[in-house]
Amino acid sequence: MIDRITAIKTTRMADDISKVFELSPKVREAIINTNREKFVPAAMRQHAYKLDALPIGAQQYISSPLTVAKMTEYLEPEGADRILEIGCGSGYQAAVLAHLFRGVFSIERIETLLSDAKKRFRELGLQNIHTRTDDGQKGWAQYAPYDRILFSAAPTFIPQAIIDQLVPRGIIVAPMEKNGQQVITRFVKIGDELMEDELEVCEFVPVVDGVQR
């Protein structure tokens, strides 16, 4: 649970999001119950509740709360149990997902970022988030299959290993690199194929190969 002062701030932020993007009741509640300040560098705390992306070091960013809300809604979390996130970053997106999924499995290639994210999860008592340092393009086969898969960085294609770890009729949401821009795209797995639906232009850091220790 978050304290009353933080709840006032996160509720106001959810209201700001709702002015430009409709939130379902459960996603709104997840946003309100996640202390965004915990995921923002100390020097940026005064900007934590603005609808802006903020730098978190290692040339990475914490996504705008609006973007996090959109990606979460596009996952259609209702009725889904387990989610794989590729690109943990600050951990904020995973923390929001932790209020909606029984199991959140989040991979980050930059070891220092993941170490900081894990400390935040412990401080907030988020025990249903499981993490590892790895190249997220390989997925996390040990705990597959997943009902949902979220890319929190922009790939140029969806690797076969990721498709194989998704349940039939499961959903992938990814900010795809296409024709010189990024487009949030939702994929639904039908048989061995992915049916895709382009949703909106966006801006994320790119998916990068390998691990950074």
C-alpha atoms as a PDB file:
ATOM      1  CA  MET A   1       0.000   0.000   0.000  1.00  0.00           C
ATOM      2  CA  ILE A   2       1.091   3.577  -0.581  1.00  0.00           C
ATOM      3  CA  ASP A   3       0.757   6.449   1.876  1.00  0.00           C
ATOM      4  CA  ARG A   4      -2.036   9.033   1.655  1.00  0.00           C
ATOM      5  CA  ILE A   5       0.150  11.849   0.274  1.00  0.00           C
ATOM      6  CA  THR A   6       1.546   9.620  -2.470  1.00  0.00           C
ATOM      7  CA  ALA A   7      -1.956   8.366  -3.273  1.00  0.00           C
ATOM      8  CA  ILE A   8      -3.101  11.963  -3.805  1.00  0.00           C
ATOM      9  CA  LYS A   9      -0.204  12.505  -6.249  1.00  0.00           C
ATOM     10  CA  THR A  10      -0.731   9.250  -8.158  1.00  0.00           C
ATOM     11  CA  THR A  11      -4.496   9.847  -8.322  1.00  0.00           C
ATOM     12  CA  ARG A  12      -3.910  13.301  -9.770  1.00  0.00           C
ATOM     13  CA  MET A  13      -1.512  11.748 -12.293  1.00  0.00           C
ATOM     14  CA  ALA A  14      -4.122   9.114 -13.246  1.00  0.00           C
ATOM     15  CA  ASP A  15      -6.636  11.940 -13.730  1.00  0.00           C
ATOM     16  CA  ASP A  16      -4.159  13.712 -16.051  1.00  0.00           C
ATOM     17  CA  ILE A  17      -3.707  10.497 -18.056  1.00  0.00           C
ATOM     18  CA  SER A  18      -7.480  10.028 -18.283  1.00  0.00           C
ATOM     19  CA  LYS A  19      -7.857  13.452 -19.908  1.00  0.00           C
ATOM     20  CA  VAL A  20      -5.987  12.173 -22.987  1.00  0.00           C
ATOM     21  CA  PHE A  21      -6.398   8.372 -22.820  1.00  0.00           C
ATOM     22  CA  GLU A  22      -9.254   6.354 -21.364  1.00  0.00           C
ATOM     23  CA  LEU A  23      -8.205   4.097 -18.474  1.00  0.00           C
ATOM     24  CA  SER A  24     -10.027   0.933 -17.468  1.00  0.00           C
ATOM     25  CA  PRO A  25     -10.804   0.767 -13.723  1.00  0.00           C
ATOM     26  CA  LYS A  26      -8.169  -1.914 -12.999  1.00  0.00           C
ATOM     27  CA  VAL A  27      -5.360  -0.194 -14.890  1.00  0.00           C
ATOM     28  CA  ARG A  28      -6.265   3.105 -13.252  1.00  0.00           C
ATOM     29  CA  GLU A  29      -6.085   1.417  -9.845  1.00  0.00           C
ATOM     30  CA  ALA A  30      -2.689  -0.122 -10.706  1.00  0.00           C
ATOM     31  CA  ILE A  31      -1.336   3.317 -11.690  1.00  0.00           C
ATOM     32  CA  ILE A  32      -2.668   4.887  -8.495  1.00  0.00           C
ATOM     33  CA  ASN A  33      -1.187   2.121  -6.314  1.00  0.00           C
ATOM     34  CA  THR A  34       2.327   2.394  -7.790  1.00  0.00           C
ATOM     35  CA  ASN A  35       4.667   4.935  -6.190  1.00  0.00           C
ATOM     36  CA  ARG A  36       6.309   6.477  -9.275  1.00  0.00           C
ATOM     37  CA  GLU A  37       8.670   8.606  -7.174  1.00  0.00           C
ATOM     38  CA  LYS A  38      10.498   5.423  -6.105  1.00  0.00           C
ATOM     39  CA  PHE A  39      11.509   4.770  -9.714  1.00  0.00           C
ATOM     40  CA  VAL A  40      12.725   8.278 -10.581  1.00  0.00           C
ATOM     41  CA  PRO A  41      16.279   9.510  -9.783  1.00  0.00           C
ATOM     42  CA  ALA A  42      16.379  11.767  -6.718  1.00  0.00           C
ATOM     43  CA  ALA A  43      17.278  14.831  -8.805  1.00  0.00           C
ATOM     44  CA  MET A  44      14.125  14.310 -10.876  1.00  0.00           C
ATOM     45  CA  ARG A  45      11.630  13.656  -8.064  1.00  0.00           C
ATOM     46  CA  GLN A  46       9.840  16.966  -8.540  1.00  0.00           C
ATOM     47  CA  HIS A  47       8.993  15.834 -12.095  1.00  0.00           C
ATOM     48  CA  ALA A  48       7.896  12.300 -11.166  1.00  0.00           C
ATOM     49  CA  TYR A  49       4.172  12.869 -11.730  1.00  0.00           C
ATOM     50  CA  LYS A  50       4.386  14.853 -14.949  1.00  0.00           C
ATOM     51  CA  LEU A  51       3.425  12.991 -18.121  1.00  0.00           C
ATOM     52  CA  ASP A  52       7.030  12.962 -19.337  1.00  0.00           C
ATOM     53  CA  ALA A  53       9.758  10.373 -19.852  1.00  0.00           C
ATOM     54  CA  LEU A  54      12.760  10.997 -17.577  1.00  0.00           C
ATOM     55  CA  PRO A  55      16.434   9.888 -17.794  1.00  0.00           C
ATOM     56  CA  ILE A  56      17.493   7.174 -15.322  1.00  0.00           C
ATOM     57  CA  GLY A  57      21.158   6.764 -16.334  1.00  0.00           C
ATOM     58  CA  ALA A  58      22.942   4.313 -18.663  1.00  0.00           C
ATOM     59  CA  GLN A  59      21.330   6.230 -21.576  1.00  0.00           C
ATOM     60  CA  GLN A  60      17.955   4.800 -20.546  1.00  0.00           C
ATOM     61  CA  TYR A  61      14.643   6.417 -19.608  1.00  0.00           C
ATOM     62  CA  ILE A  62      11.652   5.764 -17.409  1.00  0.00           C
ATOM     63  CA  SER A  63       8.693   5.938 -19.778  1.00  0.00           C
ATOM     64  CA  SER A  64       6.048   8.612 -19.434  1.00  0.00           C
ATOM     65  CA  PRO A  65       3.165   7.517 -17.161  1.00  0.00           C
ATOM     66  CA  LEU A  66       0.910   8.037 -20.178  1.00  0.00           C
ATOM     67  CA  THR A  67       2.976   5.607 -22.257  1.00  0.00           C
ATOM     68  CA  VAL A  68       3.032   3.054 -19.429  1.00  0.00           C
ATOM     69  CA  ALA A  69      -0.751   3.323 -19.125  1.00  0.00           C
ATOM     70  CA  LYS A  70      -1.209   2.864 -22.879  1.00  0.00           C
ATOM     71  CA  MET A  71       1.115  -0.153 -23.109  1.00  0.00           C
ATOM     72  CA  THR A  72      -0.643  -1.716 -20.122  1.00  0.00           C
ATOM     73  CA  GLU A  73      -4.107  -1.218 -21.610  1.00  0.00           C
ATOM     74  CA  TYR A  74      -3.000  -2.543 -25.010  1.00  0.00           C
ATOM     75  CA  LEU A  75      -1.951  -5.799 -23.295  1.00  0.00           C
ATOM     76  CA  GLU A  76      -5.605  -6.440 -22.388  1.00  0.00           C
ATOM     77  CA  PRO A  77      -4.577  -7.769 -18.948  1.00  0.00           C
ATOM     78  CA  GLU A  78      -8.067  -8.869 -17.874  1.00  0.00           C
ATOM     79  CA  GLY A  79      -8.045 -12.653 -17.427  1.00  0.00           C
ATOM     80  CA  ALA A  80      -4.284 -13.028 -18.070  1.00  0.00           C
ATOM     81  CA  ASP A  81      -2.055 -14.613 -15.433  1.00  0.00           C
ATOM     82  CA  ARG A  82       1.625 -14.388 -16.413  1.00  0.00           C
ATOM     83  CA  ILE A  83       3.557 -11.759 -18.352  1.00  0.00           C
ATOM     84  CA  LEU A  84       7.095 -11.544 -19.691  1.00  0.00           C
ATOM     85  CA  GLU A  85       8.604  -8.056 -19.923  1.00  0.00           C
ATOM     86  CA  ILE A  86      11.654  -7.432 -22.100  1.00  0.00           C
ATOM     87  CA  GLY A  87      13.468  -4.357 -20.792  1.00  0.00           C
ATOM     88  CA  CYS A  88      12.935  -3.814 -17.062  1.00  0.00           C
ATOM     89  CA  GLY A  89      14.696  -0.433 -16.944  1.00  0.00           C
ATOM     90  CA  SER A  90      13.725   1.446 -13.774  1.00  0.00           C
ATOM     91  CA  GLY A  91      11.143  -1.233 -12.945  1.00  0.00           C
ATOM     92  CA  TYR A  92       8.162   1.132 -13.038  1.00  0.00           C
ATOM     93  CA  GLN A  93       6.303  -0.681 -15.818  1.00  0.00           C
ATOM     94  CA  ALA A  94       6.860  -4.023 -14.061  1.00  0.00           C
ATOM     95  CA  ALA A  95       5.575  -2.543 -10.793  1.00  0.00           C
ATOM     96  CA  VAL A  96       2.352  -1.427 -12.496  1.00  0.00           C
ATOM     97  CA  LEU A  97       1.970  -4.866 -14.092  1.00  0.00           C
ATOM     98  CA  ALA A  98       2.472  -6.510 -10.693  1.00  0.00           C
ATOM     99  CA  HIS A  99      -0.942  -5.170  -9.644  1.00  0.00           C
ATOM    100  CA  LEU A 100      -2.588  -6.827 -12.665  1.00  0.00           C
ATOM    101  CA  PHE A 101      -0.786 -10.166 -13.152  1.00  0.00           C
ATOM    102  CA  ARG A 102      -0.095 -12.993 -10.714  1.00  0.00           C
ATOM    103  CA  GLY A 103       3.429 -13.398 -12.108  1.00  0.00           C
ATOM    104  CA  VAL A 104       5.624 -10.745 -13.768  1.00  0.00           C
ATOM    105  CA  PHE A 105       8.884 -11.992 -15.327  1.00  0.00           C
ATOM    106  CA  SER A 106      11.140  -9.084 -16.299  1.00  0.00           C
ATOM    107  CA  ILE A 107      14.472  -9.246 -18.145  1.00  0.00           C
ATOM    108  CA  GLU A 108      17.038  -6.424 -18.267  1.00  0.00           C
ATOM    109  CA  ARG A 109      20.349  -6.478 -20.164  1.00  0.00           C
ATOM    110  CA  ILE A 110      22.028  -3.728 -18.061  1.00  0.00           C
ATOM    111  CA  GLU A 111      23.028  -5.270 -14.741  1.00  0.00           C
ATOM    112  CA  THR A 112      23.256  -2.017 -12.750  1.00  0.00           C
ATOM    113  CA  LEU A 113      19.744  -0.949 -13.790  1.00  0.00           C
ATOM    114  CA  LEU A 114      18.301  -4.300 -12.753  1.00  0.00           C
ATOM    115  CA  SER A 115      20.104  -4.209  -9.407  1.00  0.00           C
ATOM    116  CA  ASP A 116      18.469  -0.840  -8.647  1.00  0.00           C
ATOM    117  CA  ALA A 117      15.057  -2.058  -9.849  1.00  0.00           C
ATOM    118  CA  LYS A 118      15.229  -5.131  -7.589  1.00  0.00           C
ATOM    119  CA  LYS A 119      15.922  -2.908  -4.562  1.00  0.00           C
ATOM    120  CA  ARG A 120      12.803  -0.876  -5.381  1.00  0.00           C
ATOM    121  CA  PHE A 121      10.686  -4.013  -5.715  1.00  0.00           C
ATOM    122  CA  ARG A 122      11.884  -5.199  -2.293  1.00  0.00           C
ATOM    123  CA  GLU A 123      11.198  -1.800  -0.682  1.00  0.00           C
ATOM    124  CA  LEU A 124       7.672  -1.810  -2.131  1.00  0.00           C
ATOM    125  CA  GLY A 125       6.996  -5.434  -1.161  1.00  0.00           C
ATOM    126  CA  LEU A 126       6.366  -6.523  -4.763  1.00  0.00           C
ATOM    127  CA  GLN A 127       7.032 -10.230  -4.364  1.00  0.00           C
ATOM    128  CA  ASN A 128       5.423 -11.397  -7.619  1.00  0.00           C
ATOM    129  CA  ILE A 129       8.076  -9.790  -9.867  1.00  0.00           C
ATOM    130  CA  HIS A 130      10.831 -12.184 -10.981  1.00  0.00           C
ATOM    131  CA  THR A 131      13.919 -10.755 -12.690  1.00  0.00           C
ATOM    132  CA  ARG A 132      17.071 -11.776 -14.500  1.00  0.00           C
ATOM    133  CA  THR A 133      19.970 -10.095 -16.307  1.00  0.00           C
ATOM    134  CA  ASP A 134      20.044 -11.407 -19.868  1.00  0.00           C
ATOM    135  CA  ASP A 135      19.468 -10.568 -23.519  1.00  0.00           C
ATOM    136  CA  GLY A 136      15.673 -10.330 -23.503  1.00  0.00           C
ATOM    137  CA  GLN A 137      15.386 -11.365 -27.137  1.00  0.00           C
ATOM    138  CA  LYS A 138      15.867 -14.969 -25.959  1.00  0.00           C
ATOM    139  CA  GLY A 139      12.925 -14.705 -23.583  1.00  0.00           C
ATOM    140  CA  TRP A 140      12.819 -16.745 -20.388  1.00  0.00           C
ATOM    141  CA  ALA A 141      11.983 -20.313 -21.389  1.00  0.00           C
ATOM    142  CA  GLN A 142      12.120 -21.677 -17.844  1.00  0.00           C
ATOM    143  CA  TYR A 143       8.799 -20.060 -16.917  1.00  0.00           C
ATOM    144  CA  ALA A 144       7.094 -20.138 -20.326  1.00  0.00           C
ATOM    145  CA  PRO A 145       4.482 -20.084 -21.672  1.00  0.00           C
ATOM    146  CA  TYR A 146       3.256 -16.546 -21.002  1.00  0.00           C
ATOM    147  CA  ASP A 147      -0.210 -15.096 -21.532  1.00  0.00           C
ATOM    148  CA  ARG A 148       1.257 -11.727 -22.455  1.00  0.00           C
ATOM    149  CA  ILE A 149       4.671 -10.439 -23.569  1.00  0.00           C
ATOM    150  CA  LEU A 150       5.656  -6.768 -23.445  1.00  0.00           C
ATOM    151  CA  PHE A 151       8.657  -5.151 -25.104  1.00  0.00           C
ATOM    152  CA  SER A 152       9.680  -2.046 -23.161  1.00  0.00           C
ATOM    153  CA  ALA A 153      12.299  -1.316 -25.835  1.00  0.00           C
ATOM    154  CA  ALA A 154      11.902  -1.171 -29.607  1.00  0.00           C
ATOM    155  CA  PRO A 155      12.762  -4.286 -31.677  1.00  0.00           C
ATOM    156  CA  THR A 156      12.971  -4.483 -35.463  1.00  0.00           C
ATOM    157  CA  PHE A 157      11.317  -7.928 -35.421  1.00  0.00           C
ATOM    158  CA  ILE A 158       9.796 -10.407 -32.953  1.00  0.00           C
ATOM    159  CA  PRO A 159      12.277 -13.274 -32.404  1.00  0.00           C
ATOM    160  CA  GLN A 160      10.968 -16.816 -32.880  1.00  0.00           C
ATOM    161  CA  ALA A 161      12.055 -17.678 -29.313  1.00  0.00           C
ATOM    162  CA  ILE A 162       9.589 -15.064 -28.040  1.00  0.00           C
ATOM    163  CA  ILE A 163       6.751 -16.329 -30.240  1.00  0.00           C
ATOM    164  CA  ASP A 164       7.393 -19.878 -29.009  1.00  0.00           C
ATOM    165  CA  GLN A 165       7.031 -18.731 -25.381  1.00  0.00           C
ATOM    166  CA  LEU A 166       3.577 -17.197 -25.928  1.00  0.00           C
ATOM    167  CA  VAL A 167       0.360 -19.147 -25.313  1.00  0.00           C
ATOM    168  CA  PRO A 168      -2.078 -19.674 -28.221  1.00  0.00           C
ATOM    169  CA  ARG A 169      -4.140 -16.495 -28.664  1.00  0.00           C
ATOM    170  CA  GLY A 170      -1.690 -14.709 -26.363  1.00  0.00           C
ATOM    171  CA  ILE A 171      -0.782 -11.061 -26.946  1.00  0.00           C
ATOM    172  CA  ILE A 172       2.553  -9.332 -27.577  1.00  0.00           C
ATOM    173  CA  VAL A 173       2.761  -5.537 -27.385  1.00  0.00           C
ATOM    174  CA  ALA A 174       5.914  -3.971 -28.810  1.00  0.00           C
ATOM    175  CA  PRO A 175       7.097  -0.556 -30.071  1.00  0.00           C
ATOM    176  CA  MET A 176       8.259  -1.825 -33.474  1.00  0.00           C
ATOM    177  CA  GLU A 177      10.910  -0.079 -35.583  1.00  0.00           C
ATOM    178  CA  LYS A 178       9.236   0.448 -38.976  1.00  0.00           C
ATOM    179  CA  ASN A 179      10.221   2.689 -41.869  1.00  0.00           C
ATOM    180  CA  GLY A 180      12.275   5.082 -39.782  1.00  0.00           C
ATOM    181  CA  GLN A 181       9.763   5.429 -36.959  1.00  0.00           C
ATOM    182  CA  GLN A 182       8.451   3.391 -34.030  1.00  0.00           C
ATOM    183  CA  VAL A 183       4.889   2.118 -33.906  1.00  0.00           C
ATOM    184  CA  ILE A 184       3.226   0.474 -30.914  1.00  0.00           C
ATOM    185  CA  THR A 185       2.010  -2.809 -32.382  1.00  0.00           C
ATOM    186  CA  ARG A 186      -0.200  -5.496 -30.838  1.00  0.00           C
ATOM    187  CA  PHE A 187       0.277  -9.069 -32.018  1.00  0.00           C
ATOM    188  CA  VAL A 188      -2.090 -11.978 -31.369  1.00  0.00           C
ATOM    189  CA  LYS A 189      -0.766 -15.522 -31.783  1.00  0.00           C
ATOM    190  CA  ILE A 190      -3.014 -17.577 -34.043  1.00  0.00           C
ATOM    191  CA  GLY A 191      -1.536 -21.031 -34.614  1.00  0.00           C
ATOM    192  CA  ASP A 192       2.138 -20.392 -35.373  1.00  0.00           C
ATOM    193  CA  GLU A 193       1.450 -16.971 -36.881  1.00  0.00           C
ATOM    194  CA  LEU A 194       1.274 -13.477 -35.392  1.00  0.00           C
ATOM    195  CA  MET A 195      -1.621 -11.284 -36.477  1.00  0.00           C
ATOM    196  CA  GLU A 196      -0.631  -7.644 -36.040  1.00  0.00           C
ATOM    197  CA  ASP A 197      -2.446  -4.397 -35.417  1.00  0.00           C
ATOM    198  CA  GLU A 198      -0.578  -1.070 -35.566  1.00  0.00           C
ATOM    199  CA  LEU A 199      -1.811   1.263 -32.821  1.00  0.00           C
ATOM    200  CA  GLU A 200       0.181   4.510 -32.660  1.00  0.00           C
ATOM    201  CA  VAL A 201       3.558   6.150 -33.233  1.00  0.00           C
ATOM    202  CA  CYS A 202       5.829   6.175 -30.176  1.00  0.00           C
ATOM    203  CA  GLU A 203       9.423   6.667 -29.034  1.00  0.00           C
ATOM    204  CA  PHE A 204      11.399   4.061 -27.050  1.00  0.00           C
ATOM    205  CA  VAL A 205      15.069   3.158 -26.688  1.00  0.00           C
ATOM    206  CA  PRO A 206      16.032   0.388 -29.143  1.00  0.00           C
ATOM    207  CA  VAL A 207      16.461  -3.279 -28.272  1.00  0.00           C
ATOM    208  CA  VAL A 208      20.222  -3.997 -28.051  1.00  0.00           C
ATOM    209  CA  ASP A 209      21.982  -7.361 -28.304  1.00  0.00           C
ATOM    210  CA  GLY A 210      23.898  -8.913 -25.422  1.00  0.00           C
ATOM    211  CA  VAL A 211      24.338  -8.084 -21.751  1.00  0.00           C
ATOM    212  CA  GLN A 212      26.056  -5.081 -20.112  1.00  0.00           C
ATOM    213  CA  ARG A 213      27.692  -5.993 -16.804  1.00  0.00           C
END
